[in-house]
C-alpha atoms as a PDB file:
ATOM      1  CA  MET A   1     -13.201 -35.633 -19.805  1.00  0.00           C
ATOM      2  CA  SER A   2     -14.484 -33.709 -16.799  1.00  0.00           C
ATOM      3  CA  ARG A   3     -17.936 -34.541 -15.448  1.00  0.00           C
ATOM      4  CA  THR A   4     -19.991 -32.312 -13.165  1.00  0.00           C
ATOM      5  CA  HIS A   5     -21.228 -33.745  -9.861  1.00  0.00           C
ATOM      6  CA  THR A   6     -22.861 -32.354  -6.727  1.00  0.00           C
ATOM      7  CA  LEU A   7     -21.317 -32.575  -3.263  1.00  0.00           C
ATOM      8  CA  VAL A   8     -24.030 -33.238  -0.650  1.00  0.00           C
ATOM      9  CA  GLY A   9     -23.523 -32.908   3.114  1.00  0.00           C
ATOM     10  CA  LEU A  10     -22.054 -30.194   5.320  1.00  0.00           C
ATOM     11  CA  LEU A  11     -21.828 -27.729   2.434  1.00  0.00           C
ATOM     12  CA  GLY A  12     -25.399 -28.298   1.278  1.00  0.00           C
ATOM     13  CA  GLN A  13     -25.313 -28.972  -2.480  1.00  0.00           C
ATOM     14  CA  VAL A  14     -22.229 -27.702  -4.282  1.00  0.00           C
ATOM     15  CA  PRO A  15     -21.465 -28.571  -7.939  1.00  0.00           C
ATOM     16  CA  PHE A  16     -17.872 -29.615  -8.688  1.00  0.00           C
ATOM     17  CA  SER A  17     -16.012 -31.441 -11.432  1.00  0.00           C
ATOM     18  CA  THR A  18     -13.697 -34.439 -11.563  1.00  0.00           C
ATOM     19  CA  ASP A  19     -10.872 -32.007 -12.355  1.00  0.00           C
ATOM     20  CA  GLN A  20     -10.955 -31.120  -8.667  1.00  0.00           C
ATOM     21  CA  VAL A  21     -11.086 -34.626  -7.177  1.00  0.00           C
ATOM     22  CA  ASP A  22     -10.232 -38.202  -8.156  1.00  0.00           C
ATOM     23  CA  VAL A  23     -12.936 -40.830  -8.685  1.00  0.00           C
ATOM     24  CA  ILE A  24     -11.590 -44.369  -8.223  1.00  0.00           C
ATOM     25  CA  GLY A  25     -13.883 -47.409  -8.218  1.00  0.00           C
ATOM     26  CA  GLY A  26     -16.955 -45.282  -7.546  1.00  0.00           C
ATOM     27  CA  ILE A  27     -15.303 -43.573  -4.551  1.00  0.00           C
ATOM     28  CA  VAL A  28     -14.399 -39.868  -4.581  1.00  0.00           C
ATOM     29  CA  PHE A  29     -11.017 -38.881  -3.151  1.00  0.00           C
ATOM     30  CA  ALA A  30      -9.562 -35.426  -2.449  1.00  0.00           C
ATOM     31  CA  LYS A  31      -6.331 -34.620  -4.291  1.00  0.00           C
ATOM     32  CA  ASP A  32      -4.286 -35.546  -1.215  1.00  0.00           C
ATOM     33  CA  GLY A  33      -5.842 -39.034  -1.174  1.00  0.00           C
ATOM     34  CA  THR A  34      -8.408 -38.446   1.583  1.00  0.00           C
ATOM     35  CA  GLU A  35     -11.616 -40.369   0.943  1.00  0.00           C
ATOM     36  CA  VAL A  36     -14.598 -38.052   0.539  1.00  0.00           C
ATOM     37  CA  GLY A  37     -17.451 -40.454  -0.091  1.00  0.00           C
ATOM     38  CA  PRO A  38     -19.209 -42.670  -2.641  1.00  0.00           C
ATOM     39  CA  LEU A  39     -20.299 -41.405  -6.045  1.00  0.00           C
ATOM     40  CA  LEU A  40     -24.053 -42.012  -6.225  1.00  0.00           C
ATOM     41  CA  SER A  41     -25.964 -43.053  -9.331  1.00  0.00           C
ATOM     42  CA  ASP A  42     -27.359 -39.542  -9.822  1.00  0.00           C
ATOM     43  CA  ASN A  43     -23.815 -38.072  -9.910  1.00  0.00           C
ATOM     44  CA  ARG A  44     -24.009 -36.837  -6.318  1.00  0.00           C
ATOM     45  CA  VAL A  45     -21.350 -37.451  -3.678  1.00  0.00           C
ATOM     46  CA  LEU A  46     -22.376 -38.105  -0.066  1.00  0.00           C
ATOM     47  CA  LEU A  47     -19.819 -36.862   2.452  1.00  0.00           C
ATOM     48  CA  ASN A  48     -18.677 -39.742   4.656  1.00  0.00           C
ATOM     49  CA  GLY A  49     -19.636 -38.951   8.251  1.00  0.00           C
ATOM     50  CA  GLN A  50     -21.108 -35.680   6.999  1.00  0.00           C
ATOM     51  CA  GLN A  51     -20.067 -33.048   9.560  1.00  0.00           C
ATOM     52  CA  ARG A  52     -17.079 -34.950  10.891  1.00  0.00           C
ATOM     53  CA  ASN A  53     -15.142 -35.518   7.690  1.00  0.00           C
ATOM     54  CA  SER A  54     -12.952 -32.913   6.009  1.00  0.00           C
ATOM     55  CA  ILE A  55     -11.620 -32.442   2.504  1.00  0.00           C
ATOM     56  CA  PRO A  56      -8.094 -31.060   3.006  1.00  0.00           C
ATOM     57  CA  ASN A  57      -6.674 -28.668   0.412  1.00  0.00           C
ATOM     58  CA  THR A  58      -9.623 -29.070  -1.947  1.00  0.00           C
ATOM     59  CA  LYS A  59     -10.654 -26.017  -3.929  1.00  0.00           C
ATOM     60  CA  ILE A  60     -14.203 -25.735  -5.238  1.00  0.00           C
ATOM     61  CA  THR A  61     -14.926 -22.874  -7.619  1.00  0.00           C
ATOM     62  CA  VAL A  62     -18.628 -22.146  -8.013  1.00  0.00           C
ATOM     63  CA  PRO A  63     -20.773 -19.082  -8.784  1.00  0.00           C
ATOM     64  CA  GLN A  64     -22.469 -19.202  -5.379  1.00  0.00           C
ATOM     65  CA  ILE A  65     -22.625 -21.338  -2.235  1.00  0.00           C
ATOM     66  CA  GLU A  66     -25.857 -21.311  -0.257  1.00  0.00           C
ATOM     67  CA  LEU A  67     -25.978 -22.983   3.163  1.00  0.00           C
ATOM     68  CA  ALA A  68     -29.447 -24.031   4.296  1.00  0.00           C
ATOM     69  CA  MET A  69     -29.436 -24.776   8.050  1.00  0.00           C
ATOM     70  CA  THR A  70     -31.931 -27.338   9.331  1.00  0.00           C
ATOM     71  CA  ASP A  71     -31.353 -27.278  13.110  1.00  0.00           C
ATOM     72  CA  GLY A  72     -32.125 -23.942  14.757  1.00  0.00           C
ATOM     73  CA  SER A  73     -30.658 -25.079  18.083  1.00  0.00           C
ATOM     74  CA  LYS A  74     -27.101 -25.285  16.707  1.00  0.00           C
ATOM     75  CA  PRO A  75     -24.690 -22.673  15.343  1.00  0.00           C
ATOM     76  CA  GLY A  76     -25.237 -22.186  11.625  1.00  0.00           C
ATOM     77  CA  LEU A  77     -21.573 -22.282  10.607  1.00  0.00           C
ATOM     78  CA  VAL A  78     -18.598 -23.338  12.716  1.00  0.00           C
ATOM     79  CA  ILE A  79     -14.992 -22.936  11.535  1.00  0.00           C
ATOM     80  CA  LYS A  80     -12.422 -24.490  13.872  1.00  0.00           C
ATOM     81  CA  ARG A  81      -8.709 -23.907  13.642  1.00  0.00           C
ATOM     82  CA  ALA A  82      -6.242 -26.755  13.566  1.00  0.00           C
ATOM     83  CA  GLY A  83      -3.931 -27.201  16.529  1.00  0.00           C
ATOM     84  CA  LEU A  84      -1.110 -24.610  16.638  1.00  0.00           C
ATOM     85  CA  GLN A  85      -2.516 -22.877  13.560  1.00  0.00           C
ATOM     86  CA  THR A  86      -1.110 -19.354  13.326  1.00  0.00           C
ATOM     87  CA  ALA A  87      -2.439 -18.245   9.949  1.00  0.00           C
ATOM     88  CA  ASN A  88      -5.775 -16.547   9.469  1.00  0.00           C
ATOM     89  CA  LEU A  89      -8.714 -18.898   9.974  1.00  0.00           C
ATOM     90  CA  GLN A  90     -10.833 -17.231   7.339  1.00  0.00           C
ATOM     91  CA  GLU A  91     -10.201 -14.605   4.706  1.00  0.00           C
ATOM     92  CA  TRP A  92     -12.366 -12.675   2.315  1.00  0.00           C
ATOM     93  CA  GLN A  93     -10.286 -11.458  -0.600  1.00  0.00           C
ATOM     94  CA  ALA A  94     -10.801  -9.123  -3.517  1.00  0.00           C
ATOM     95  CA  GLU A  95     -10.519 -10.490  -7.046  1.00  0.00           C
ATOM     96  CA  ASP A  96      -6.811  -9.572  -7.119  1.00  0.00           C
ATOM     97  CA  GLY A  97      -6.192 -11.489  -3.872  1.00  0.00           C
ATOM     98  CA  SER A  98      -5.862  -8.436  -1.625  1.00  0.00           C
ATOM     99  CA  LEU A  99      -7.295  -8.802   1.874  1.00  0.00           C
ATOM    100  CA  LEU A 100     -10.778  -7.456   2.552  1.00  0.00           C
ATOM    101  CA  LEU A 101     -11.628  -9.177   5.840  1.00  0.00           C
ATOM    102  CA  ALA A 102      -9.893 -11.794   7.988  1.00  0.00           C
ATOM    103  CA  ILE A 103     -10.317 -13.497  11.368  1.00  0.00           C
ATOM    104  CA  ASP A 104      -7.108 -14.618  13.054  1.00  0.00           C
ATOM    105  CA  PRO A 105      -6.710 -17.386  15.690  1.00  0.00           C
ATOM    106  CA  GLU A 106      -7.083 -14.832  18.521  1.00  0.00           C
ATOM    107  CA  GLY A 107     -10.495 -13.767  17.225  1.00  0.00           C
ATOM    108  CA  ARG A 108      -9.301 -10.403  15.907  1.00  0.00           C
ATOM    109  CA  ILE A 109     -11.122  -9.183  12.828  1.00  0.00           C
ATOM    110  CA  SER A 110      -8.874  -7.375  10.348  1.00  0.00           C
ATOM    111  CA  PHE A 111     -10.283  -4.974   7.779  1.00  0.00           C
ATOM    112  CA  GLY A 112      -7.931  -4.542   4.859  1.00  0.00           C
ATOM    113  CA  GLY A 113      -5.026  -5.755   6.960  1.00  0.00           C
ATOM    114  CA  ASP A 114      -4.415  -2.643   9.087  1.00  0.00           C
ATOM    115  CA  THR A 115      -7.544  -1.981  11.182  1.00  0.00           C
ATOM    116  CA  GLN A 116      -8.487  -4.530  13.840  1.00  0.00           C
ATOM    117  CA  LEU A 117     -11.631  -5.030  15.921  1.00  0.00           C
ATOM    118  CA  TYR A 118     -11.471  -7.377  18.910  1.00  0.00           C
ATOM    119  CA  ARG A 119     -12.833  -8.172  22.376  1.00  0.00           C
ATOM    120  CA  SER A 120     -10.546  -6.411  24.845  1.00  0.00           C
ATOM    121  CA  ALA A 121     -12.497  -7.102  28.051  1.00  0.00           C
ATOM    122  CA  GLU A 122     -15.800  -8.485  29.240  1.00  0.00           C
ATOM    123  CA  GLY A 123     -18.481  -6.639  27.309  1.00  0.00           C
ATOM    124  CA  ALA A 124     -15.979  -4.383  25.536  1.00  0.00           C
ATOM    125  CA  LEU A 125     -14.757  -4.133  21.949  1.00  0.00           C
ATOM    126  CA  THR A 126     -11.608  -2.285  20.919  1.00  0.00           C
ATOM    127  CA  LEU A 127     -11.031  -0.811  17.471  1.00  0.00           C
ATOM    128  CA  GLU A 128      -7.437  -0.134  16.473  1.00  0.00           C
ATOM    129  CA  GLY A 129      -7.813   2.637  13.932  1.00  0.00           C
ATOM    130  CA  SER A 130     -10.081   5.554  13.140  1.00  0.00           C
ATOM    131  CA  LEU A 131     -13.854   5.224  12.913  1.00  0.00           C
ATOM    132  CA  HIS A 132     -15.751   7.355  10.406  1.00  0.00           C
ATOM    133  CA  ILE A 133     -19.533   7.569  10.808  1.00  0.00           C
ATOM    134  CA  THR A 134     -21.566   8.970   7.917  1.00  0.00           C
ATOM    135  CA  ALA A 135     -24.905   9.014   9.755  1.00  0.00           C
ATOM    136  CA  ASP A 136     -26.140   9.708  13.292  1.00  0.00           C
ATOM    137  CA  LEU A 137     -24.440   8.267  16.369  1.00  0.00           C
ATOM    138  CA  ALA A 138     -26.709   7.408  19.300  1.00  0.00           C
ATOM    139  CA  VAL A 139     -25.123   6.558  22.664  1.00  0.00           C
ATOM    140  CA  SER A 140     -27.401   5.013  25.302  1.00  0.00           C
ATOM    141  CA  GLY A 141     -24.680   4.523  27.886  1.00  0.00           C
ATOM    142  CA  ARG A 142     -22.032   6.853  29.272  1.00  0.00           C
ATOM    143  CA  PHE A 143     -19.902   8.963  26.931  1.00  0.00           C
ATOM    144  CA  ILE A 144     -16.341   8.896  28.266  1.00  0.00           C
ATOM    145  CA  THR A 145     -13.414  11.021  27.102  1.00  0.00           C
ATOM    146  CA  VAL A 146     -10.246   9.347  28.343  1.00  0.00           C
ATOM    147  CA  PRO A 147      -7.680  11.954  29.477  1.00  0.00           C
ATOM    148  CA  SER A 148      -3.963  11.720  28.913  1.00  0.00           C
ATOM    149  CA  VAL A 149      -1.549  11.631  31.818  1.00  0.00           C
ATOM    150  CA  VAL A 150      -0.731  15.077  33.228  1.00  0.00           C
ATOM    151  CA  VAL A 151       1.461  16.931  30.732  1.00  0.00           C
ATOM    152  CA  THR A 152       3.999  19.190  32.468  1.00  0.00           C
ATOM    153  CA  LEU A 153       4.885  22.302  30.493  1.00  0.00           C
ATOM    154  CA  SER A 154       7.593  24.960  30.476  1.00  0.00           C
ATOM    155  CA  ALA A 155       7.257  28.370  28.824  1.00  0.00           C
ATOM    156  CA  ASN A 156       8.590  27.246  25.442  1.00  0.00           C
ATOM    157  CA  ASP A 157       6.635  23.996  25.178  1.00  0.00           C
ATOM    158  CA  THR A 158       3.919  23.422  22.575  1.00  0.00           C
ATOM    159  CA  ILE A 159       0.841  21.343  23.368  1.00  0.00           C
ATOM    160  CA  THR A 160       0.366  18.379  21.010  1.00  0.00           C
ATOM    161  CA  PRO A 161      -3.358  17.615  20.486  1.00  0.00           C
ATOM    162  CA  GLY A 162      -2.922  13.844  20.410  1.00  0.00           C
ATOM    163  CA  ALA A 163      -5.791  13.064  22.791  1.00  0.00           C
ATOM    164  CA  ALA A 164      -9.369  14.260  23.201  1.00  0.00           C
ATOM    165  CA  LYS A 165      -8.639  15.523  26.719  1.00  0.00           C
ATOM    166  CA  ILE A 166      -5.299  16.673  28.102  1.00  0.00           C
ATOM    167  CA  LYS A 167      -4.496  17.613  31.693  1.00  0.00           C
ATOM    168  CA  VAL A 168      -1.804  20.297  31.985  1.00  0.00           C
ATOM    169  CA  ALA A 169       0.419  21.699  34.740  1.00  0.00           C
ATOM    170  CA  GLY A 170       3.507  23.888  34.939  1.00  0.00           C
ATOM    171  CA  LEU A 171       6.841  22.125  35.274  1.00  0.00           C
ATOM    172  CA  ASP A 172       8.037  23.729  38.528  1.00  0.00           C
ATOM    173  CA  GLY A 173       5.291  26.258  39.241  1.00  0.00           C
ATOM    174  CA  PRO A 174       2.952  28.591  37.350  1.00  0.00           C
ATOM    175  CA  VAL A 175       3.879  28.906  33.672  1.00  0.00           C
ATOM    176  CA  ILE A 176       2.888  31.301  30.880  1.00  0.00           C
ATOM    177  CA  LEU A 177       3.185  29.615  27.497  1.00  0.00           C
ATOM    178  CA  GLY A 178       5.093  31.759  24.998  1.00  0.00           C
ATOM    179  CA  SER A 179       5.489  29.066  22.374  1.00  0.00           C
ATOM    180  CA  VAL A 180       4.443  29.664  18.759  1.00  0.00           C
ATOM    181  CA  PRO A 181       2.197  27.897  18.082  1.00  0.00           C
ATOM    182  CA  THR A 182       1.002  27.279  21.609  1.00  0.00           C
ATOM    183  CA  VAL A 183      -1.136  24.349  20.423  1.00  0.00           C
ATOM    184  CA  GLU A 184      -0.136  22.415  17.312  1.00  0.00           C
ATOM    185  CA  ASP A 185      -2.548  22.222  14.375  1.00  0.00           C
ATOM    186  CA  GLY A 186      -5.281  19.630  14.711  1.00  0.00           C
ATOM    187  CA  LEU A 187      -7.665  18.052  12.225  1.00  0.00           C
ATOM    188  CA  ASP A 188     -10.439  20.165  10.765  1.00  0.00           C
ATOM    189  CA  GLY A 189     -13.357  19.972  13.209  1.00  0.00           C
ATOM    190  CA  GLN A 190     -11.308  18.367  15.991  1.00  0.00           C
ATOM    191  CA  GLN A 191     -12.263  19.295  19.544  1.00  0.00           C
ATOM    192  CA  LEU A 192      -9.780  19.402  22.403  1.00  0.00           C
ATOM    193  CA  ILE A 193     -10.407  19.691  26.143  1.00  0.00           C
ATOM    194  CA  LEU A 194      -7.595  21.227  28.214  1.00  0.00           C
ATOM    195  CA  GLN A 195      -7.949  20.808  31.973  1.00  0.00           C
ATOM    196  CA  GLY A 196      -5.751  22.288  34.668  1.00  0.00           C
ATOM    197  CA  ALA A 197      -4.281  19.808  37.118  1.00  0.00           C
ATOM    198  CA  ASP A 198      -2.732  21.960  39.866  1.00  0.00           C
ATOM    199  CA  ASP A 199      -3.461  25.469  41.238  1.00  0.00           C
ATOM    200  CA  ALA A 200       0.169  25.864  42.293  1.00  0.00           C
ATOM    201  CA  ARG A 201       1.339  24.958  38.776  1.00  0.00           C
ATOM    202  CA  SER A 202      -1.244  26.765  36.653  1.00  0.00           C
ATOM    203  CA  VAL A 203      -0.835  27.119  32.877  1.00  0.00           C
ATOM    204  CA  THR A 204      -1.672  30.356  31.028  1.00  0.00           C
ATOM    205  CA  LEU A 205      -2.386  30.423  27.287  1.00  0.00           C
ATOM    206  CA  TYR A 206      -2.451  33.637  25.235  1.00  0.00           C
ATOM    207  CA  ASP A 207      -4.904  34.657  22.537  1.00  0.00           C
ATOM    208  CA  GLN A 208      -3.312  35.672  19.210  1.00  0.00           C
ATOM    209  CA  SER A 209      -4.030  39.308  20.089  1.00  0.00           C
ATOM    210  CA  MET A 210      -1.482  38.938  22.903  1.00  0.00           C
ATOM    211  CA  LEU A 211       0.897  36.432  21.300  1.00  0.00           C
ATOM    212  CA  GLU A 212       1.061  36.499  17.514  1.00  0.00           C
ATOM    213  CA  ASN A 213       0.705  33.060  15.898  1.00  0.00           C
ATOM    214  CA  SER A 214      -0.180  31.385  19.183  1.00  0.00           C
ATOM    215  CA  ASN A 215      -2.763  29.509  17.090  1.00  0.00           C
ATOM    216  CA  LEU A 216      -5.489  30.386  19.612  1.00  0.00           C
ATOM    217  CA  GLU A 217      -8.584  32.541  19.166  1.00  0.00           C
ATOM    218  CA  LEU A 218      -9.899  32.764  22.719  1.00  0.00           C
ATOM    219  CA  GLY A 219     -12.834  34.561  24.319  1.00  0.00           C
ATOM    220  CA  ALA A 220     -10.374  36.654  26.328  1.00  0.00           C
ATOM    221  CA  SER A 221      -6.793  37.840  25.946  1.00  0.00           C
ATOM    222  CA  ALA A 222      -5.612  34.914  28.072  1.00  0.00           C
ATOM    223  CA  ARG A 223      -6.909  31.825  29.835  1.00  0.00           C
ATOM    224  CA  THR A 224      -5.320  30.452  32.994  1.00  0.00           C
ATOM    225  CA  LEU A 225      -5.882  26.816  33.884  1.00  0.00           C
ATOM    226  CA  GLY A 226      -5.629  25.977  37.575  1.00  0.00           C
ATOM    227  CA  LYS A 227      -6.919  22.771  39.115  1.00  0.00           C
ATOM    228  CA  GLY A 228     -10.269  21.827  37.568  1.00  0.00           C
ATOM    229  CA  ASP A 229     -10.396  24.758  35.137  1.00  0.00           C
ATOM    230  CA  VAL A 230     -11.486  23.580  31.686  1.00  0.00           C
ATOM    231  CA  LEU A 231     -10.878  25.141  28.254  1.00  0.00           C
ATOM    232  CA  THR A 232     -12.589  23.518  25.262  1.00  0.00           C
ATOM    233  CA  ILE A 233     -11.390  24.491  21.783  1.00  0.00           C
ATOM    234  CA  THR A 234     -12.029  23.375  18.206  1.00  0.00           C
ATOM    235  CA  PHE A 235      -9.672  23.502  15.225  1.00  0.00           C
ATOM    236  CA  ASP A 236     -10.699  25.183  11.975  1.00  0.00           C
ATOM    237  CA  GLY A 237      -8.680  23.752   9.102  1.00  0.00           C
ATOM    238  CA  GLU A 238      -9.495  26.608   6.723  1.00  0.00           C
ATOM    239  CA  ASP A 239      -8.419  29.342   9.151  1.00  0.00           C
ATOM    240  CA  GLY A 240      -5.645  27.246  10.679  1.00  0.00           C
ATOM    241  CA  VAL A 241      -6.472  28.201  14.276  1.00  0.00           C
ATOM    242  CA  TRP A 242      -8.121  26.835  17.408  1.00  0.00           C
ATOM    243  CA  TYR A 243     -11.340  28.611  18.398  1.00  0.00           C
ATOM    244  CA  GLU A 244     -12.618  28.645  21.967  1.00  0.00           C
ATOM    245  CA  ILE A 245     -15.892  26.807  22.557  1.00  0.00           C
ATOM    246  CA  SER A 246     -16.098  27.337  26.301  1.00  0.00           C
ATOM    247  CA  PHE A 247     -14.051  28.134  29.393  1.00  0.00           C
ATOM    248  CA  THR A 248     -14.960  27.226  32.959  1.00  0.00           C
ATOM    249  CA  ASP A 249     -13.109  28.727  35.923  1.00  0.00           C
ATOM    250  CA  ASN A 250     -13.669  26.171  38.640  1.00  0.00           C
END
């Protein structure tokens, strides 16, 4: 017959039953034989050594666990990995066992198993995956658009909008892009900055009035990008074209 007890110590007060541990001679043991602590007269179990003892491979199923911290000068909850441990240190799972949130031994936080957030440098966090914000975004520091390396283009090349900012230059000299489309489709609402990298290897893009299906609706029949010239465009998913936001001839 199973009896309900309360585990007292590092975990606060957690009810458990004798189905989950063994009670021998008034001493409670984990299922692997590790001594947990004495069974008290009021059906409570005091953890031996409190914070220093562990209960390996013991599963406690309860409606809720509440941890009440008593020392404000110490971390509230510390989970340490075992030596050479390679599995996740901590996982939050859905009812069906699928991963919701995990922290691996390198300190990377995984969301659903495919998107990771981690410290990449001093004072910097890196998110591997897309970030969708449903409310306002306020930036107090600098807003930086990281450019790609200089993309060299020939007349038949199409620009792939895989970065927020792309520097362009002709392959062997000035180039007029005759490719259709000139810029591949983007995501609805995406903005793209095209910046010229070299006056001697300028890149000219045609509006659709000059080159049918160029995918570009510009403020002029053509835009030429020499060094420092900047064309900013945005993609409209409904119309399937890039619209010019601004052009600066520097």
